[in-house]
């Protein structure tokens, strides 16, 4: 039996839709489990990242913790893949980039209707927000980009199989075209 590749996944600033598409592989997850070993992932609840062959990154970069996690994945994963619109271009979270961070915080925490004791959270446990949301490639080198919001389970399946088989990744137009 050939050794299984070690795979880690994480979700940064996004909606978790890409991980849901991964789960939508349904019974194909059993086939995948025979070929890979999951390391750190919300699917395993493993908190410490080991040395991995492949890292899948979902979501953009919006805070200091996202930067730290992304840099750790780049350092410990031989191949790093940005998956989904948020990782590729910031996605919906990057819509705040057209406003100053101060204005976003004030609108969210100080000017809402019916707020009791309105205040902007200031706790050392809360990661510091970046002034802008960034796609992951602006922070670290990314080896592959898998577009979609989210990419379909079939697209993820094709991509992962080609990658695991050592084939060049070549997705059909219908797998990466979104109307």
C-alpha atoms as a PDB file:
ATOM      1  CA  UNK A   1       0.000   0.000   0.000  1.00  0.00           C
ATOM      2  CA  UNK A   2       1.377   3.382  -0.985  1.00  0.00           C
ATOM      3  CA  UNK A   3       1.927   5.919   1.847  1.00  0.00           C
ATOM      4  CA  UNK A   4      -0.855   8.423   2.373  1.00  0.00           C
ATOM      5  CA  UNK A   5      -0.165  12.110   1.840  1.00  0.00           C
ATOM      6  CA  UNK A   6      -0.660  14.381   4.826  1.00  0.00           C
ATOM      7  CA  UNK A   7      -3.249  17.126   4.196  1.00  0.00           C
ATOM      8  CA  UNK A   8      -4.198  20.105   6.365  1.00  0.00           C
ATOM      9  CA  UNK A   9      -7.047  22.560   5.849  1.00  0.00           C
ATOM     10  CA  UNK A  10      -8.086  25.826   7.440  1.00  0.00           C
ATOM     11  CA  UNK A  11     -10.730  28.495   7.106  1.00  0.00           C
ATOM     12  CA  UNK A  12      -9.655  32.111   7.510  1.00  0.00           C
ATOM     13  CA  UNK A  13     -12.056  35.015   6.771  1.00  0.00           C
ATOM     14  CA  UNK A  14     -14.847  33.291   4.894  1.00  0.00           C
ATOM     15  CA  UNK A  15     -18.114  31.445   5.320  1.00  0.00           C
ATOM     16  CA  UNK A  16     -16.868  27.842   5.518  1.00  0.00           C
ATOM     17  CA  UNK A  17     -18.580  27.075   2.195  1.00  0.00           C
ATOM     18  CA  UNK A  18     -15.456  25.517   0.688  1.00  0.00           C
ATOM     19  CA  UNK A  19     -15.221  23.048   3.568  1.00  0.00           C
ATOM     20  CA  UNK A  20     -18.915  22.288   3.071  1.00  0.00           C
ATOM     21  CA  UNK A  21     -18.172  21.515  -0.604  1.00  0.00           C
ATOM     22  CA  UNK A  22     -15.387  19.215   0.561  1.00  0.00           C
ATOM     23  CA  UNK A  23     -17.907  17.412   2.761  1.00  0.00           C
ATOM     24  CA  UNK A  24     -20.247  17.260  -0.254  1.00  0.00           C
ATOM     25  CA  UNK A  25     -17.878  14.679  -1.701  1.00  0.00           C
ATOM     26  CA  UNK A  26     -20.157  12.336   0.253  1.00  0.00           C
ATOM     27  CA  UNK A  27     -19.169   8.679  -0.239  1.00  0.00           C
ATOM     28  CA  UNK A  28     -16.071   9.778  -2.171  1.00  0.00           C
ATOM     29  CA  UNK A  29     -14.688  10.883   1.213  1.00  0.00           C
ATOM     30  CA  UNK A  30     -14.047   7.188   1.937  1.00  0.00           C
ATOM     31  CA  UNK A  31     -11.902   6.929  -1.212  1.00  0.00           C
ATOM     32  CA  UNK A  32     -10.090  10.124  -0.257  1.00  0.00           C
ATOM     33  CA  UNK A  33      -9.477   8.831   3.290  1.00  0.00           C
ATOM     34  CA  UNK A  34      -7.606   5.866   1.823  1.00  0.00           C
ATOM     35  CA  UNK A  35      -5.221   8.223   0.013  1.00  0.00           C
ATOM     36  CA  UNK A  36      -4.678  11.022   2.553  1.00  0.00           C
ATOM     37  CA  UNK A  37      -4.222  11.531   6.253  1.00  0.00           C
ATOM     38  CA  UNK A  38      -5.826  14.677   7.625  1.00  0.00           C
ATOM     39  CA  UNK A  39      -3.679  16.796   9.883  1.00  0.00           C
ATOM     40  CA  UNK A  40      -4.893  20.121  11.309  1.00  0.00           C
ATOM     41  CA  UNK A  41      -8.380  20.799  10.018  1.00  0.00           C
ATOM     42  CA  UNK A  42     -11.785  21.843  11.315  1.00  0.00           C
ATOM     43  CA  UNK A  43     -12.818  18.367  10.166  1.00  0.00           C
ATOM     44  CA  UNK A  44     -10.420  16.715  12.656  1.00  0.00           C
ATOM     45  CA  UNK A  45     -10.238  19.381  15.363  1.00  0.00           C
ATOM     46  CA  UNK A  46      -6.442  18.908  15.463  1.00  0.00           C
ATOM     47  CA  UNK A  47      -5.062  22.241  16.661  1.00  0.00           C
ATOM     48  CA  UNK A  48      -1.315  21.849  15.988  1.00  0.00           C
ATOM     49  CA  UNK A  49      -0.095  21.787  12.403  1.00  0.00           C
ATOM     50  CA  UNK A  50       2.457  19.115  11.559  1.00  0.00           C
ATOM     51  CA  UNK A  51       4.625  18.810   8.479  1.00  0.00           C
ATOM     52  CA  UNK A  52       2.195  18.325   5.575  1.00  0.00           C
ATOM     53  CA  UNK A  53       2.299  17.546   1.891  1.00  0.00           C
ATOM     54  CA  UNK A  54      -0.748  19.659   1.011  1.00  0.00           C
ATOM     55  CA  UNK A  55      -2.466  22.618   2.652  1.00  0.00           C
ATOM     56  CA  UNK A  56      -5.896  23.853   1.584  1.00  0.00           C
ATOM     57  CA  UNK A  57      -6.639  27.452   2.569  1.00  0.00           C
ATOM     58  CA  UNK A  58     -10.193  28.800   2.499  1.00  0.00           C
ATOM     59  CA  UNK A  59     -10.957  32.461   3.222  1.00  0.00           C
ATOM     60  CA  UNK A  60      -9.175  35.772   2.975  1.00  0.00           C
ATOM     61  CA  UNK A  61      -6.842  37.420   5.459  1.00  0.00           C
ATOM     62  CA  UNK A  62      -8.564  39.954   7.722  1.00  0.00           C
ATOM     63  CA  UNK A  63      -6.736  39.837  11.050  1.00  0.00           C
ATOM     64  CA  UNK A  64      -3.400  39.132  12.747  1.00  0.00           C
ATOM     65  CA  UNK A  65      -4.366  35.550  13.570  1.00  0.00           C
ATOM     66  CA  UNK A  66      -5.151  34.863   9.889  1.00  0.00           C
ATOM     67  CA  UNK A  67      -1.667  36.118   8.969  1.00  0.00           C
ATOM     68  CA  UNK A  68      -0.053  33.864  11.584  1.00  0.00           C
ATOM     69  CA  UNK A  69      -2.020  30.769  10.507  1.00  0.00           C
ATOM     70  CA  UNK A  70      -1.337  31.393   6.825  1.00  0.00           C
ATOM     71  CA  UNK A  71       2.402  31.846   7.392  1.00  0.00           C
ATOM     72  CA  UNK A  72       2.477  28.660   9.469  1.00  0.00           C
ATOM     73  CA  UNK A  73       0.720  26.741   6.682  1.00  0.00           C
ATOM     74  CA  UNK A  74       3.204  28.082   4.119  1.00  0.00           C
ATOM     75  CA  UNK A  75       6.144  27.031   6.323  1.00  0.00           C
ATOM     76  CA  UNK A  76       4.805  23.518   6.994  1.00  0.00           C
ATOM     77  CA  UNK A  77       3.022  22.567   3.744  1.00  0.00           C
ATOM     78  CA  UNK A  78       4.986  21.535   0.657  1.00  0.00           C
ATOM     79  CA  UNK A  79       2.081  22.542  -1.607  1.00  0.00           C
ATOM     80  CA  UNK A  80      -0.332  25.324  -0.665  1.00  0.00           C
ATOM     81  CA  UNK A  81      -3.696  25.721  -2.388  1.00  0.00           C
ATOM     82  CA  UNK A  82      -6.004  28.744  -2.210  1.00  0.00           C
ATOM     83  CA  UNK A  83      -9.563  27.466  -2.502  1.00  0.00           C
ATOM     84  CA  UNK A  84     -12.593  29.652  -3.169  1.00  0.00           C
ATOM     85  CA  UNK A  85     -13.260  33.297  -3.971  1.00  0.00           C
ATOM     86  CA  UNK A  86     -12.366  34.622  -0.514  1.00  0.00           C
ATOM     87  CA  UNK A  87      -8.879  33.065  -0.651  1.00  0.00           C
ATOM     88  CA  UNK A  88      -8.379  34.109  -4.288  1.00  0.00           C
ATOM     89  CA  UNK A  89      -9.586  37.725  -4.131  1.00  0.00           C
ATOM     90  CA  UNK A  90     -10.917  38.454  -0.637  1.00  0.00           C
ATOM     91  CA  UNK A  91     -14.515  37.570  -1.550  1.00  0.00           C
ATOM     92  CA  UNK A  92     -17.436  38.997   0.394  1.00  0.00           C
ATOM     93  CA  UNK A  93     -15.302  39.904   3.457  1.00  0.00           C
ATOM     94  CA  UNK A  94     -13.248  42.246   1.225  1.00  0.00           C
ATOM     95  CA  UNK A  95     -16.355  44.343   0.569  1.00  0.00           C
ATOM     96  CA  UNK A  96     -15.329  46.286   3.679  1.00  0.00           C
ATOM     97  CA  UNK A  97     -12.158  47.417   1.883  1.00  0.00           C
ATOM     98  CA  UNK A  98     -13.994  50.385   0.385  1.00  0.00           C
ATOM     99  CA  UNK A  99     -14.430  51.847   3.870  1.00  0.00           C
ATOM    100  CA  UNK A 100     -12.006  52.838   6.597  1.00  0.00           C
ATOM    101  CA  UNK A 101     -11.753  50.190   9.316  1.00  0.00           C
ATOM    102  CA  UNK A 102     -12.662  52.818  11.932  1.00  0.00           C
ATOM    103  CA  UNK A 103     -15.911  53.577  10.083  1.00  0.00           C
ATOM    104  CA  UNK A 104     -16.787  49.863   9.859  1.00  0.00           C
ATOM    105  CA  UNK A 105     -16.224  49.358  13.576  1.00  0.00           C
ATOM    106  CA  UNK A 106     -18.219  52.441  14.523  1.00  0.00           C
ATOM    107  CA  UNK A 107     -21.114  51.440  12.266  1.00  0.00           C
ATOM    108  CA  UNK A 108     -21.140  47.903  13.653  1.00  0.00           C
ATOM    109  CA  UNK A 109     -20.659  48.589  17.335  1.00  0.00           C
ATOM    110  CA  UNK A 110     -21.648  52.183  18.096  1.00  0.00           C
ATOM    111  CA  UNK A 111     -24.468  53.246  15.777  1.00  0.00           C
ATOM    112  CA  UNK A 112     -26.684  50.159  15.739  1.00  0.00           C
ATOM    113  CA  UNK A 113     -30.326  50.491  16.785  1.00  0.00           C
ATOM    114  CA  UNK A 114     -31.151  49.271  20.279  1.00  0.00           C
ATOM    115  CA  UNK A 115     -27.587  48.800  21.466  1.00  0.00           C
ATOM    116  CA  UNK A 116     -27.059  48.695  25.210  1.00  0.00           C
ATOM    117  CA  UNK A 117     -23.697  50.119  26.346  1.00  0.00           C
ATOM    118  CA  UNK A 118     -22.323  50.423  22.794  1.00  0.00           C
ATOM    119  CA  UNK A 119     -18.545  50.012  22.575  1.00  0.00           C
ATOM    120  CA  UNK A 120     -15.974  48.697  20.154  1.00  0.00           C
ATOM    121  CA  UNK A 121     -14.612  45.393  21.515  1.00  0.00           C
ATOM    122  CA  UNK A 122     -11.162  45.760  23.012  1.00  0.00           C
ATOM    123  CA  UNK A 123     -10.027  42.456  24.424  1.00  0.00           C
ATOM    124  CA  UNK A 124      -6.561  40.910  24.036  1.00  0.00           C
ATOM    125  CA  UNK A 125      -8.253  37.590  23.098  1.00  0.00           C
ATOM    126  CA  UNK A 126      -9.721  39.163  19.927  1.00  0.00           C
ATOM    127  CA  UNK A 127      -7.236  39.166  17.005  1.00  0.00           C
ATOM    128  CA  UNK A 128      -6.342  42.634  15.747  1.00  0.00           C
ATOM    129  CA  UNK A 129      -8.120  43.494  12.507  1.00  0.00           C
ATOM    130  CA  UNK A 130      -6.118  44.480   9.446  1.00  0.00           C
ATOM    131  CA  UNK A 131      -7.052  47.732   7.715  1.00  0.00           C
ATOM    132  CA  UNK A 132      -7.982  45.705   4.593  1.00  0.00           C
ATOM    133  CA  UNK A 133      -8.970  42.122   3.797  1.00  0.00           C
ATOM    134  CA  UNK A 134      -6.346  40.506   1.570  1.00  0.00           C
ATOM    135  CA  UNK A 135      -6.333  37.491  -0.733  1.00  0.00           C
ATOM    136  CA  UNK A 136      -3.913  34.864   0.557  1.00  0.00           C
ATOM    137  CA  UNK A 137      -1.413  35.287  -2.289  1.00  0.00           C
ATOM    138  CA  UNK A 138      -0.675  38.825  -1.063  1.00  0.00           C
ATOM    139  CA  UNK A 139       0.684  37.320   2.172  1.00  0.00           C
ATOM    140  CA  UNK A 140       2.387  34.056   1.098  1.00  0.00           C
ATOM    141  CA  UNK A 141       3.303  32.185  -2.073  1.00  0.00           C
ATOM    142  CA  UNK A 142       0.429  29.992  -3.288  1.00  0.00           C
ATOM    143  CA  UNK A 143       1.065  26.997  -5.542  1.00  0.00           C
ATOM    144  CA  UNK A 144      -2.461  26.439  -6.903  1.00  0.00           C
ATOM    145  CA  UNK A 145      -5.691  28.442  -7.078  1.00  0.00           C
ATOM    146  CA  UNK A 146      -9.092  26.734  -7.140  1.00  0.00           C
ATOM    147  CA  UNK A 147     -11.830  29.300  -7.939  1.00  0.00           C
ATOM    148  CA  UNK A 148     -15.501  29.242  -7.024  1.00  0.00           C
ATOM    149  CA  UNK A 149     -17.838  30.457  -4.342  1.00  0.00           C
ATOM    150  CA  UNK A 150     -17.565  27.731  -3.355  1.00  0.00           C
ATOM    151  CA  UNK A 151     -16.028  25.346  -5.879  1.00  0.00           C
ATOM    152  CA  UNK A 152     -18.312  22.373  -6.424  1.00  0.00           C
ATOM    153  CA  UNK A 153     -17.576  19.014  -4.843  1.00  0.00           C
ATOM    154  CA  UNK A 154     -16.966  17.606  -8.332  1.00  0.00           C
ATOM    155  CA  UNK A 155     -14.401  20.325  -9.065  1.00  0.00           C
ATOM    156  CA  UNK A 156     -12.640  19.689  -5.749  1.00  0.00           C
ATOM    157  CA  UNK A 157     -12.703  15.936  -6.464  1.00  0.00           C
ATOM    158  CA  UNK A 158     -11.151  16.366  -9.921  1.00  0.00           C
ATOM    159  CA  UNK A 159      -8.533  18.795  -8.611  1.00  0.00           C
ATOM    160  CA  UNK A 160      -7.524  16.659  -5.629  1.00  0.00           C
ATOM    161  CA  UNK A 161      -7.365  13.454  -7.683  1.00  0.00           C
ATOM    162  CA  UNK A 162      -5.150  15.040 -10.319  1.00  0.00           C
ATOM    163  CA  UNK A 163      -2.884  16.503  -7.654  1.00  0.00           C
ATOM    164  CA  UNK A 164      -2.646  13.251  -5.658  1.00  0.00           C
ATOM    165  CA  UNK A 165      -1.941  11.280  -8.829  1.00  0.00           C
ATOM    166  CA  UNK A 166       0.889  13.601  -9.797  1.00  0.00           C
ATOM    167  CA  UNK A 167      -0.926  14.653 -12.967  1.00  0.00           C
ATOM    168  CA  UNK A 168      -0.911  18.249 -14.175  1.00  0.00           C
ATOM    169  CA  UNK A 169      -3.968  19.990 -12.768  1.00  0.00           C
ATOM    170  CA  UNK A 170      -6.276  20.708 -15.698  1.00  0.00           C
ATOM    171  CA  UNK A 171      -9.898  21.471 -14.915  1.00  0.00           C
ATOM    172  CA  UNK A 172     -12.471  21.596 -17.673  1.00  0.00           C
ATOM    173  CA  UNK A 173     -14.061  24.927 -18.546  1.00  0.00           C
ATOM    174  CA  UNK A 174     -17.400  23.781 -17.107  1.00  0.00           C
ATOM    175  CA  UNK A 175     -15.758  23.079 -13.737  1.00  0.00           C
ATOM    176  CA  UNK A 176     -14.393  26.608 -13.335  1.00  0.00           C
ATOM    177  CA  UNK A 177     -16.990  28.660 -15.222  1.00  0.00           C
ATOM    178  CA  UNK A 178     -19.550  30.319 -12.974  1.00  0.00           C
ATOM    179  CA  UNK A 179     -22.666  32.077 -14.278  1.00  0.00           C
END
